Structure formats: C-alpha cells, structure tokens
C-alpha cells in the first residue's frame, strides 16, 4: 500500500522517480512542484516546499490581481510553506513513476493560511465537528470530450470544435463504446489512484460524459475532485483529445454540472442523521436536523451563489428546461428544482443541482456546509417540497442570472460573514470582483458580429 511511510522504499527501489507536491489554487486547480525522488526524501518529506503567495491572489490566467490584502505588490509577494498532508499520498497511473501528495499552506511563521481553499474547507469541517456533526458528500462531475486536441482547439480559437460524438449519448451504450479507449482508462486508473469510481455514463450533450466518484468525507471528496479533473485532461491529452469542464461550452447543448450531495452524520458514532428516527413526525421525509440542514442551504443559495458559479460563463448554464436549475426550491426526486431530495435510510441526502463543473470543490463544499450549519444554528424551517415544473413556477426565488448579481449577494451575505469571517469573505469577494473586471475589459466575438456593421 502506498503511504508516506512506504514511499521511501519505492523511491529507493526505482519504482518512483517523481513526487508531485501540490495544493489547490483559487480556481480549484493543483499547483506546485515536481520533485525528484531523492530530493523529496532528503529535504521535502519532513518540511514541505515553498511557493509564492501570489498563487492565492491571481486569476485563471495566472495574472496577479489587485485588491487582495493577503498578497500584493506592496507586500512583495513572498513565500508560503506547503506542508504535506500524509493522508493524501497517491499514485498517478497515467504518469508512470509519479506520485502525488497534497499540502496545507502555512505562513513562514507557521500559521495556517486562512484564505487557502483547503483551509477554507477545513474550517467549515471544524465548525461542523464543534456541533457534533460529520459531513459526508459527493461531487458529480460532467465534462465534454472532443476529437480536437487542446493545441488544435486553441489554434481554432475554440470555434468549430468536434465533439467526440455525433448525437446525444445520454445513457447510450453504443456511442460511449466508441469513447471507451479514454473513458475506461479514466475509470480504471482513477480507481488505481485511490479515487473510487462507481460508474461512467453518457450525458445529455453531444460528447458529454459523467463519471461518478463514491461519496466520502468533505476534504477527502474535494481532494479526489481536484485530482480527477486534472487527470481527465492529462489522460485525454495523451490521445490528442481535449476535455472541458466549462459550465457551458456552447449555448447549443447542455451545460456541465457538478451536483453536490451532502448528508449529516453523528461525529461520535458515525450514524446517519438525515432520515427521521422511527416514530418521528417528519412530513418532509427528513429528520428535524436534516430539514434544517436543507433549509439552511436554500437560505444561503442566493448569498453564496458565487461559490457555486464563479465565472461569467457559469451563468450561461441556468437556462429553463436545460437540466440546470433556475429555482431555489427543493423537491422529492424532482430534477427541475435547485435542490433534490434523494435516497432513504442511511443514504438519505440532498443534492444541490446549482454548481457547475467549473467550481472550486473546496470553496463549493465549504459553502454547502456553511449554509447547512446556518440552518441548524438558526433553526430555519424547511418549506414543503415543491411539486411540478419549477422552471415554470411563478413567484419562487431564483438563482442569480449574472455574475454581478452574485457579487452583490456575496457582499451583503450574512452567512458568508458569519461562517467564513472577514478575511476569507473579503478575499473571495475580491476574487469575484476581479473576474467581473476582467470580463469587462474584453470585446467579444459576439459584440463584433452584432455591432461592427449594423450600428
């Protein structure tokens, strides 16, 4: 079994030559260094690595952004210490001879970096534990696979791309057989990497896939999510194929989601808490604490929308009758609702259908937990389940339709202020504001086509 204790033997035996030492950035991507095996044993295993703090103050293009108190030009963009979490060692079968370890970030004085995504999630896990709860969850990721390579897609300016299918392949086995040379490798090699895969299936778009990872505890799930997304792109790239986790790569087809399933468990004895106890009056089909957990997530859905939809493109996904939700209501096994109640007994849980596949899993899971704990702490009552088509329902609360709406909601959020604290709240808020500022600095192809000649 691969552990931090067995790794030295594998390095000395020549089975491992590279240790990828990484941590998640603000976009939910792994960043870090590739370390030679010998140097890892001599210098890194006990002390970690150093990395520039700008990695928590830049955008998806790696541009340092203004407005951060944590790191900026005036502070000189100094170093952080990335300290290895010994529970995160895993092989990377698609990169033979390499293993990955994930890190928690500390200042050079040894204090936790509160604005780092892994720490943001850890803090919400700690808040749940203080109340006697263990949160278990799963993230369901969808993505599109293309016949084009990443390089070819870029050369074509991401226009006229060729999905790796000719028709919608939702549950279709013949079409997905043609993609098994990649999808089977993803399933099998992720399992080898310690990421337990349940199944894969074609999804509702042309060239779209969903691969489900088994549920687990929150930090474990976020770490798996991080490795999975990066690994899918690496495996696809080996075949000259591109894969995208954009929330909406084309308005002509379905968006890609990251449904988040959450449930509460008793931290003392690992017993499930979402289903009602025998004889408990539970019109919602949930226990009292389970109902409050869901009610809190509903209450926070607007306030923390940016945590589930962090880019301008994220909001393209919220289209009626598109499988992506628009209504902040819950229903029993109702896919038109923002929140869907599923399962029974120990498997009773709530599925948030709001997040897209572009989320940072650490921030999205932290937000889900923060909302649920707000509902418990404040005794929020769960409204009756919605029935019918929530897309067409009049006078129900709706998900923000643009990034500016989400920024305004995050800025005034009582849930974010209480759960995250001022330092993290402002860091996330600045990240959102800077993304909107970047979007406003670009003239798009659509604007040129619409306005160049016609006005």
Protein backbone atom coordinates (compact mmCIF):
# COMPACT_ATOMS: atom_id res chain seq x y z
CA UNK A 1 0.00 0.00 0.00
CA UNK A 2 1.32 3.42 -0.97
CA UNK A 3 1.76 5.67 2.07
CA UNK A 4 4.23 8.30 3.19
CA UNK A 5 5.94 5.51 5.14
CA UNK A 6 6.24 3.09 2.19
CA UNK A 7 7.16 5.78 -0.34
CA UNK A 8 10.91 5.89 0.57
CA UNK A 9 11.31 2.19 -0.25
CA UNK A 10 9.59 2.65 -3.64
CA UNK A 11 11.81 5.62 -4.45
CA UNK A 12 15.00 3.78 -3.49
CA UNK A 13 13.86 0.73 -5.48
CA UNK A 14 13.44 2.91 -8.57
CA UNK A 15 9.67 2.41 -8.84
CA UNK A 16 9.01 6.11 -8.17
CA UNK A 17 11.16 8.86 -9.61
CA UNK A 18 8.93 11.94 -9.23
CA UNK A 19 6.82 13.28 -6.39
CA UNK A 20 4.25 15.90 -7.39
CA UNK A 21 3.88 18.20 -4.38
CA UNK A 22 0.72 20.28 -4.88
CA UNK A 23 -2.08 22.33 -3.35
CA UNK A 24 -5.29 23.83 -4.79
CA UNK A 25 -5.32 27.39 -6.09
CA UNK A 26 -8.33 29.73 -6.10
CA UNK A 27 -9.63 28.14 -9.31
CA UNK A 28 -9.53 24.64 -7.80
CA UNK A 29 -6.51 23.52 -9.84
CA UNK A 30 -3.47 21.70 -8.47
CA UNK A 31 -0.36 23.90 -8.43
CA UNK A 32 3.05 23.07 -7.02
CA UNK A 33 6.33 21.42 -7.97
CA UNK A 34 7.62 18.16 -9.37
CA UNK A 35 10.31 16.94 -7.01
CA UNK A 36 12.89 14.24 -7.74
CA UNK A 37 12.53 11.21 -5.51
CA UNK A 38 15.91 11.57 -3.83
CA UNK A 39 15.45 15.26 -3.09
CA UNK A 40 11.97 14.59 -1.74
CA UNK A 41 13.35 12.11 0.80
CA UNK A 42 16.24 14.35 1.84
CA UNK A 43 14.54 17.75 2.02
CA UNK A 44 10.80 17.78 1.31
CA UNK A 45 9.12 14.89 3.12
CA UNK A 46 9.54 16.47 6.55
CA UNK A 47 9.43 20.15 5.66
CA UNK A 48 7.32 20.56 2.50
CA UNK A 49 8.06 23.09 -0.22
CA UNK A 50 7.95 26.85 -0.53
CA UNK A 51 5.74 28.56 -3.09
CA UNK A 52 4.89 32.17 -3.92
CA UNK A 53 1.80 33.55 -2.21
CA UNK A 54 0.63 35.16 -5.46
CA UNK A 55 -0.84 31.75 -6.32
CA UNK A 56 -3.71 32.66 -3.98
CA UNK A 57 -4.10 36.13 -5.47
CA UNK A 58 -4.26 35.57 -9.22
CA UNK A 59 -6.84 34.61 -11.81
CA UNK A 60 -7.22 31.66 -14.13
CA UNK A 61 -4.64 33.23 -16.48
CA UNK A 62 -2.12 33.42 -13.60
CA UNK A 63 -2.26 37.21 -13.64
CA UNK A 64 -1.67 38.80 -10.19
CA UNK A 65 -4.80 40.77 -9.30
CA UNK A 66 -5.23 43.97 -7.30
CA UNK A 67 -7.42 44.33 -4.23
CA UNK A 68 -6.09 41.49 -2.07
CA UNK A 69 -4.88 42.26 1.43
CA UNK A 70 -3.29 38.83 1.76
CA UNK A 71 -0.76 39.23 -1.06
CA UNK A 72 0.02 42.16 -3.35
CA UNK A 73 2.88 44.13 -4.91
CA UNK A 74 3.29 46.19 -1.72
CA UNK A 75 3.87 43.05 0.35
CA UNK A 76 6.40 41.83 -2.22
CA UNK A 77 4.63 38.54 -2.99
CA UNK A 78 6.58 36.44 -0.52
CA UNK A 79 6.68 32.71 0.12
CA UNK A 80 4.33 30.26 1.78
CA UNK A 81 5.19 26.88 3.25
CA UNK A 82 3.28 23.98 1.68
CA UNK A 83 3.29 21.24 4.33
CA UNK A 84 2.47 17.69 3.24
CA UNK A 85 -0.76 16.09 4.42
CA UNK A 86 0.37 12.47 4.94
CA UNK A 87 -3.12 11.15 4.20
CA UNK A 88 -3.03 12.35 0.59
CA UNK A 89 -0.28 10.22 -0.95
CA UNK A 90 -1.50 8.54 -4.13
CA UNK A 91 -0.02 7.09 -7.29
CA UNK A 92 -0.76 8.64 -10.68
CA UNK A 93 -1.04 5.62 -13.00
CA UNK A 94 -1.39 7.82 -16.09
CA UNK A 95 2.00 9.37 -15.21
CA UNK A 96 4.16 6.26 -14.61
CA UNK A 97 6.78 6.68 -11.93
CA UNK A 98 4.98 9.64 -10.33
CA UNK A 99 3.07 10.02 -7.09
CA UNK A 100 1.12 12.98 -5.74
CA UNK A 101 0.99 14.49 -2.28
CA UNK A 102 -1.28 17.39 -1.34
CA UNK A 103 -0.38 20.13 1.09
CA UNK A 104 -1.83 22.56 3.57
CA UNK A 105 -0.46 26.08 3.43
CA UNK A 106 1.23 27.86 6.32
CA UNK A 107 2.83 31.27 6.57
CA UNK A 108 6.58 31.27 7.04
CA UNK A 109 5.80 31.88 10.73
CA UNK A 110 3.84 28.64 10.84
CA UNK A 111 0.27 29.99 10.92
CA UNK A 112 -2.47 28.48 8.73
CA UNK A 113 -3.22 30.49 5.59
CA UNK A 114 -6.92 31.11 6.16
CA UNK A 115 -7.63 32.18 2.57
CA UNK A 116 -6.24 28.98 1.04
CA UNK A 117 -9.05 26.79 -0.37
CA UNK A 118 -8.09 23.70 1.60
CA UNK A 119 -8.09 25.72 4.83
CA UNK A 120 -11.44 27.35 3.95
CA UNK A 121 -12.99 23.90 3.71
CA UNK A 122 -11.17 22.59 6.79
CA UNK A 123 -12.62 25.45 8.84
CA UNK A 124 -16.20 24.53 7.88
CA UNK A 125 -15.49 20.87 8.67
CA UNK A 126 -14.22 22.02 12.08
CA UNK A 127 -17.35 24.12 12.64
CA UNK A 128 -19.50 21.06 11.90
CA UNK A 129 -17.39 18.94 14.27
CA UNK A 130 -17.78 21.53 17.04
CA UNK A 131 -21.52 20.89 16.77
CA UNK A 132 -21.05 17.12 16.81
CA UNK A 133 -21.53 16.57 13.07
CA UNK A 134 -19.59 14.80 10.35
CA UNK A 135 -20.41 15.85 6.79
CA UNK A 136 -20.34 13.27 4.04
CA UNK A 137 -20.72 14.27 0.43
CA UNK A 138 -20.06 13.56 -3.22
CA UNK A 139 -19.43 15.70 -6.29
CA UNK A 140 -20.86 14.52 -9.63
CA UNK A 141 -18.73 15.92 -12.43
CA UNK A 142 -19.72 16.25 -16.07
CA UNK A 143 -17.41 17.15 -18.94
CA UNK A 144 -17.20 17.24 -22.73
CA UNK A 145 -14.75 15.20 -24.76
CA UNK A 146 -13.55 16.43 -28.18
CA UNK A 147 -11.79 14.90 -31.17
CA UNK A 148 -9.62 18.02 -31.27
CA UNK A 149 -6.51 18.29 -29.10
CA UNK A 150 -6.04 21.18 -26.70
CA UNK A 151 -3.49 22.69 -29.11
CA UNK A 152 -5.85 22.32 -32.09
CA UNK A 153 -8.71 23.87 -30.12
CA UNK A 154 -6.54 26.87 -29.30
CA UNK A 155 -5.39 27.27 -32.89
CA UNK A 156 -9.05 27.29 -33.97
CA UNK A 157 -9.76 29.91 -31.28
CA UNK A 158 -12.13 27.35 -29.73
CA UNK A 159 -14.53 27.63 -32.67
CA UNK A 160 -15.97 24.77 -34.74
CA UNK A 161 -14.74 22.11 -32.32
CA UNK A 162 -15.64 18.48 -32.98
CA UNK A 163 -17.31 16.72 -30.04
CA UNK A 164 -16.33 13.06 -29.69
CA UNK A 165 -19.88 12.03 -30.70
CA UNK A 166 -22.41 12.78 -33.37
CA UNK A 167 -25.57 12.61 -31.27
CA UNK A 168 -26.74 12.95 -27.68
CA UNK A 169 -25.38 9.97 -25.79
CA UNK A 170 -27.37 10.10 -22.56
CA UNK A 171 -27.21 6.51 -21.23
CA UNK A 172 -26.38 5.32 -24.78
CA UNK A 173 -24.01 2.34 -24.71
CA UNK A 174 -23.17 2.08 -28.41
CA UNK A 175 -21.93 5.65 -28.67
CA UNK A 176 -19.98 5.52 -25.41
CA UNK A 177 -18.29 2.28 -26.57
CA UNK A 178 -16.54 4.42 -29.18
CA UNK A 179 -15.04 6.52 -26.39
CA UNK A 180 -14.12 3.63 -24.10
CA UNK A 181 -10.45 3.83 -25.05
CA UNK A 182 -10.34 7.01 -22.95
CA UNK A 183 -13.24 6.62 -20.52
CA UNK A 184 -12.21 3.11 -19.43
CA UNK A 185 -8.71 4.37 -18.67
CA UNK A 186 -10.19 7.17 -16.59
CA UNK A 187 -12.38 4.77 -14.60
CA UNK A 188 -9.67 2.20 -14.02
CA UNK A 189 -6.70 4.46 -13.41
CA UNK A 190 -8.62 6.75 -11.09
CA UNK A 191 -9.51 3.66 -9.05
CA UNK A 192 -5.82 2.71 -9.01
CA UNK A 193 -5.07 6.23 -7.77
CA UNK A 194 -7.32 5.73 -4.76
CA UNK A 195 -10.30 7.58 -6.25
CA UNK A 196 -13.16 5.04 -6.06
CA UNK A 197 -15.26 5.19 -9.22
CA UNK A 198 -18.84 3.94 -9.28
CA UNK A 199 -19.69 4.21 -12.98
CA UNK A 200 -19.49 6.28 -16.13
CA UNK A 201 -22.29 7.19 -18.50
CA UNK A 202 -23.03 9.34 -21.48
CA UNK A 203 -24.75 12.59 -20.59
CA UNK A 204 -27.35 14.88 -22.15
CA UNK A 205 -24.96 16.66 -24.51
CA UNK A 206 -23.14 15.56 -27.66
CA UNK A 207 -19.78 14.32 -26.44
CA UNK A 208 -20.71 14.81 -22.76
CA UNK A 209 -19.85 12.35 -20.01
CA UNK A 210 -20.43 11.89 -16.31
CA UNK A 211 -18.16 9.77 -14.13
CA UNK A 212 -19.29 9.28 -10.55
CA UNK A 213 -16.91 9.08 -7.61
CA UNK A 214 -18.01 7.31 -4.42
CA UNK A 215 -19.06 9.56 -1.55
CA UNK A 216 -16.77 10.30 1.38
CA UNK A 217 -15.90 12.96 3.94
CA UNK A 218 -15.72 16.54 2.69
CA UNK A 219 -11.95 17.10 2.48
CA UNK A 220 -11.41 13.66 1.00
CA UNK A 221 -14.04 14.35 -1.67
CA UNK A 222 -12.56 17.74 -2.57
CA UNK A 223 -9.08 16.21 -2.91
CA UNK A 224 -10.42 13.44 -5.15
CA UNK A 225 -12.27 16.02 -7.25
CA UNK A 226 -9.05 18.04 -7.69
CA UNK A 227 -7.04 15.04 -8.86
CA UNK A 228 -9.87 13.71 -11.04
CA UNK A 229 -10.34 16.87 -13.11
CA UNK A 230 -6.65 17.28 -13.74
CA UNK A 231 -6.24 13.58 -14.51
CA UNK A 232 -9.08 13.55 -17.04
CA UNK A 233 -7.35 16.30 -19.01
CA UNK A 234 -3.99 14.56 -18.77
CA UNK A 235 -5.37 11.20 -19.94
CA UNK A 236 -7.38 12.77 -22.78
CA UNK A 237 -4.31 14.76 -23.81
CA UNK A 238 -2.29 11.56 -24.25
CA UNK A 239 -4.62 10.66 -27.13
CA UNK A 240 -4.64 14.11 -28.69
CA UNK A 241 -8.11 14.81 -27.30
CA UNK A 242 -9.39 17.79 -25.35
CA UNK A 243 -11.79 17.72 -22.41
CA UNK A 244 -13.52 20.72 -20.89
CA UNK A 245 -15.26 21.28 -17.58
CA UNK A 246 -16.66 24.67 -18.62
CA UNK A 247 -20.13 25.23 -17.24
CA UNK A 248 -21.42 25.99 -20.75
CA UNK A 249 -19.04 25.49 -23.65
CA UNK A 250 -21.82 26.07 -26.22
CA UNK A 251 -25.32 27.52 -25.92
CA UNK A 252 -26.47 24.85 -28.39
CA UNK A 253 -26.02 22.00 -25.94
CA UNK A 254 -26.39 21.09 -22.27
CA UNK A 255 -24.16 22.65 -19.65
CA UNK A 256 -21.84 20.65 -17.42
CA UNK A 257 -22.78 20.43 -13.77
CA UNK A 258 -21.17 19.40 -10.52
CA UNK A 259 -24.13 18.22 -8.44
CA UNK A 260 -23.16 18.19 -4.78
CA UNK A 261 -24.70 15.59 -2.48
CA UNK A 262 -24.45 16.25 1.26
CA UNK A 263 -25.61 14.45 4.37
CA UNK A 264 -25.09 14.83 8.12
CA UNK A 265 -23.71 12.08 10.35
CA UNK A 266 -23.10 11.87 14.07
CA UNK A 267 -19.39 12.53 14.63
CA UNK A 268 -19.33 10.37 17.77
CA UNK A 269 -20.58 7.09 16.34
CA UNK A 270 -20.75 7.69 12.56
CA UNK A 271 -24.51 7.17 12.48
CA UNK A 272 -26.64 8.86 9.78
CA UNK A 273 -28.81 11.80 10.83
CA UNK A 274 -30.75 12.81 7.73
CA UNK A 275 -33.57 10.25 7.83
CA UNK A 276 -36.23 10.59 10.54
CA UNK A 277 -35.99 8.37 13.57
CA UNK A 278 -38.58 5.63 13.97
CA UNK A 279 -41.85 7.23 15.05
CA UNK A 280 -40.62 10.80 14.37
CA UNK A 281 -43.17 13.09 12.75
CA UNK A 282 -41.38 14.02 9.53
CA UNK A 283 -43.64 15.36 6.77
CA UNK A 284 -40.56 16.35 4.75
CA UNK A 285 -39.12 12.84 4.89
CA UNK A 286 -36.11 14.22 6.77
CA UNK A 287 -35.23 14.41 10.44
CA UNK A 288 -35.50 17.75 12.22
CA UNK A 289 -31.79 18.42 11.87
CA UNK A 290 -31.83 17.15 8.29
CA UNK A 291 -34.66 19.54 7.45
CA UNK A 292 -32.74 22.45 8.99
CA UNK A 293 -29.63 21.43 7.06
CA UNK A 294 -31.52 21.65 3.76
CA UNK A 295 -33.38 24.81 4.76
CA UNK A 296 -30.06 26.49 5.51
CA UNK A 297 -28.69 25.60 2.10
CA UNK A 298 -31.82 27.01 0.49
CA UNK A 299 -31.47 30.17 2.58
CA UNK A 300 -27.82 30.58 1.53
CA UNK A 301 -28.22 29.65 -2.14
CA UNK A 302 -28.52 33.24 -3.34
CA UNK A 303 -25.99 34.65 -0.87
CA UNK A 304 -23.30 32.09 -1.75
CA UNK A 305 -24.17 31.69 -5.44
CA UNK A 306 -20.70 32.84 -6.49
CA UNK A 307 -19.18 29.88 -4.63
CA UNK A 308 -21.13 27.59 -6.98
CA UNK A 309 -20.82 29.73 -10.15
CA UNK A 310 -17.54 31.69 -10.09
CA UNK A 311 -17.20 32.83 -13.71
CA UNK A 312 -19.18 34.86 -16.24
CA UNK A 313 -19.66 31.66 -18.23
CA UNK A 314 -21.11 29.88 -15.17
CA UNK A 315 -24.39 31.78 -15.51
CA UNK A 316 -24.92 30.72 -19.14
CA UNK A 317 -25.85 27.32 -17.72
CA UNK A 318 -29.00 28.47 -15.90
CA UNK A 319 -31.46 28.06 -18.75
CA UNK A 320 -35.06 26.80 -18.34
CA UNK A 321 -35.69 23.22 -19.46
CA UNK A 322 -31.95 22.56 -19.70
CA UNK A 323 -31.40 20.20 -16.72
CA UNK A 324 -29.65 23.07 -14.93
CA UNK A 325 -31.84 24.63 -12.22
CA UNK A 326 -33.20 28.16 -12.03
CA UNK A 327 -35.43 27.88 -8.93
CA UNK A 328 -34.21 27.88 -5.32
CA UNK A 329 -36.72 25.29 -4.11
CA UNK A 330 -36.43 21.66 -3.09
CA UNK A 331 -38.40 18.70 -4.34
CA UNK A 332 -38.57 14.96 -3.81
CA UNK A 333 -36.60 13.43 -6.70
CA UNK A 334 -37.50 16.45 -8.85
CA UNK A 335 -34.79 17.46 -11.31
CA UNK A 336 -36.41 20.80 -12.10
CA UNK A 337 -35.58 22.06 -8.60
CA UNK A 338 -32.36 23.61 -7.36
CA UNK A 339 -32.28 21.05 -4.55
CA UNK A 340 -33.38 17.43 -4.97
CA UNK A 341 -34.10 15.05 -2.09
CA UNK A 342 -32.91 11.52 -2.82
CA UNK A 343 -32.19 8.23 -1.09
CA UNK A 344 -33.61 6.63 2.01
CA UNK A 345 -32.37 5.37 5.35
CA UNK A 346 -28.62 5.83 5.72
CA UNK A 347 -28.49 7.04 2.11
CA UNK A 348 -30.96 9.89 2.66
CA UNK A 349 -29.39 13.11 1.40
CA UNK A 350 -29.88 16.32 -0.52
CA UNK A 351 -28.46 17.02 -3.95
CA UNK A 352 -27.70 20.63 -4.86
CA UNK A 353 -28.01 20.96 -8.61
CA UNK A 354 -26.79 24.56 -8.62
CA UNK A 355 -22.99 24.14 -9.01
CA UNK A 356 -21.39 23.82 -12.43
CA UNK A 357 -18.38 21.71 -13.34
CA UNK A 358 -16.20 24.84 -13.18
CA UNK A 359 -16.41 25.14 -9.38
CA UNK A 360 -13.52 25.08 -6.97
CA UNK A 361 -14.57 21.98 -4.98
CA UNK A 362 -13.11 23.24 -1.72
CA UNK A 363 -14.99 26.53 -1.87
CA UNK A 364 -18.22 24.94 -3.14
CA UNK A 365 -18.25 22.29 -0.39
CA UNK A 366 -17.35 24.89 2.23
CA UNK A 367 -20.30 26.98 1.07
CA UNK A 368 -22.68 24.00 1.18
CA UNK A 369 -21.59 23.20 4.75
CA UNK A 370 -21.80 26.86 5.78
CA UNK A 371 -25.37 27.08 4.50
CA UNK A 372 -26.39 23.85 6.19
CA UNK A 373 -24.91 24.90 9.53
CA UNK A 374 -26.66 28.27 9.30
CA UNK A 375 -29.96 26.41 9.02
CA UNK A 376 -29.20 24.33 12.11
CA UNK A 377 -27.81 27.20 14.18
CA UNK A 378 -30.77 29.45 13.39
CA UNK A 379 -33.46 26.77 13.42
CA UNK A 380 -34.58 27.56 9.87
CA UNK A 381 -37.78 25.73 8.95
CA UNK A 382 -37.95 23.77 5.72
CA UNK A 383 -40.81 24.75 3.42
CA UNK A 384 -42.91 21.95 1.94
CA UNK A 385 -41.45 20.14 -1.04
CA UNK A 386 -42.15 21.75 -4.40
CA UNK A 387 -44.10 19.63 -6.86
CA UNK A 388 -44.40 20.17 -10.59
CA UNK A 389 -42.19 22.05 -13.02
CA UNK A 390 -40.06 24.52 -11.05
CA UNK A 391 -38.82 26.12 -14.26
CA UNK A 392 -42.32 27.49 -14.91
CA UNK A 393 -43.36 28.19 -11.33
CA UNK A 394 -44.38 31.79 -10.64
CA UNK A 395 -43.12 33.65 -7.58
CA UNK A 396 -40.39 31.27 -6.42
CA UNK A 397 -36.88 32.53 -5.60
CA UNK A 398 -34.44 32.24 -8.47
CA UNK A 399 -30.72 31.67 -8.81
CA UNK A 400 -28.79 34.83 -9.77
CA UNK A 401 -28.61 35.09 -13.54
CA UNK A 402 -25.37 37.09 -13.80
CA UNK A 403 -22.04 37.38 -12.03
CA UNK A 404 -22.77 40.96 -10.84
CA UNK A 405 -25.94 39.76 -9.10
CA UNK A 406 -23.96 37.04 -7.36
CA UNK A 407 -21.26 39.52 -6.32
CA UNK A 408 -23.86 41.81 -4.74
CA UNK A 409 -25.38 38.88 -2.86
CA UNK A 410 -21.99 37.70 -1.62
CA UNK A 411 -21.04 41.19 -0.49
CA UNK A 412 -24.09 41.51 1.77
CA UNK A 413 -24.17 37.85 2.81
CA UNK A 414 -24.81 37.27 6.50
CA UNK A 415 -23.97 33.60 6.02
CA UNK A 416 -20.55 34.33 4.48
CA UNK A 417 -19.74 36.91 7.15
CA UNK A 418 -20.57 34.50 9.98
CA UNK A 419 -19.17 31.28 8.52
CA UNK A 420 -16.04 32.50 6.73
CA UNK A 421 -15.03 35.52 8.79
CA UNK A 422 -13.98 38.91 7.38
CA UNK A 423 -10.59 37.86 5.99
CA UNK A 424 -11.89 34.98 3.86
CA UNK A 425 -15.12 36.79 2.98
CA UNK A 426 -13.20 39.75 1.55
CA UNK A 427 -10.70 37.50 -0.24
CA UNK A 428 -13.47 35.62 -2.03
CA UNK A 429 -15.36 38.82 -2.75
CA UNK A 430 -12.29 40.39 -4.35
CA UNK A 431 -11.78 37.28 -6.46
CA UNK A 432 -15.33 37.63 -7.75
CA UNK A 433 -14.98 41.37 -8.41
CA UNK A 434 -11.72 40.94 -10.28
CA UNK A 435 -13.24 38.27 -12.52
CA UNK A 436 -16.02 40.68 -13.47
CA UNK A 437 -13.48 43.45 -14.10
CA UNK A 438 -11.52 41.15 -16.42
CA UNK A 439 -14.70 40.26 -18.33
CA UNK A 440 -15.45 43.94 -18.84
CA UNK A 441 -12.02 44.55 -20.39
CA UNK A 442 -12.72 42.35 -23.43
CA UNK A 443 -14.61 42.94 -26.68
CA UNK A 444 -16.18 39.57 -27.51
CA UNK A 445 -16.71 37.92 -30.89
CA UNK A 446 -20.46 38.26 -30.33
CA UNK A 447 -20.16 42.03 -29.90
CA UNK A 448 -18.12 42.37 -33.07
CA UNK A 449 -20.56 40.26 -35.11
CA UNK A 450 -23.56 42.12 -33.74
CA UNK A 451 -22.30 45.71 -33.77
CA UNK A 452 -19.37 46.17 -36.21
CA UNK A 453 -21.52 46.92 -39.24
CA UNK A 454 -25.08 47.07 -38.00
CA UNK A 455 -24.99 50.10 -35.75
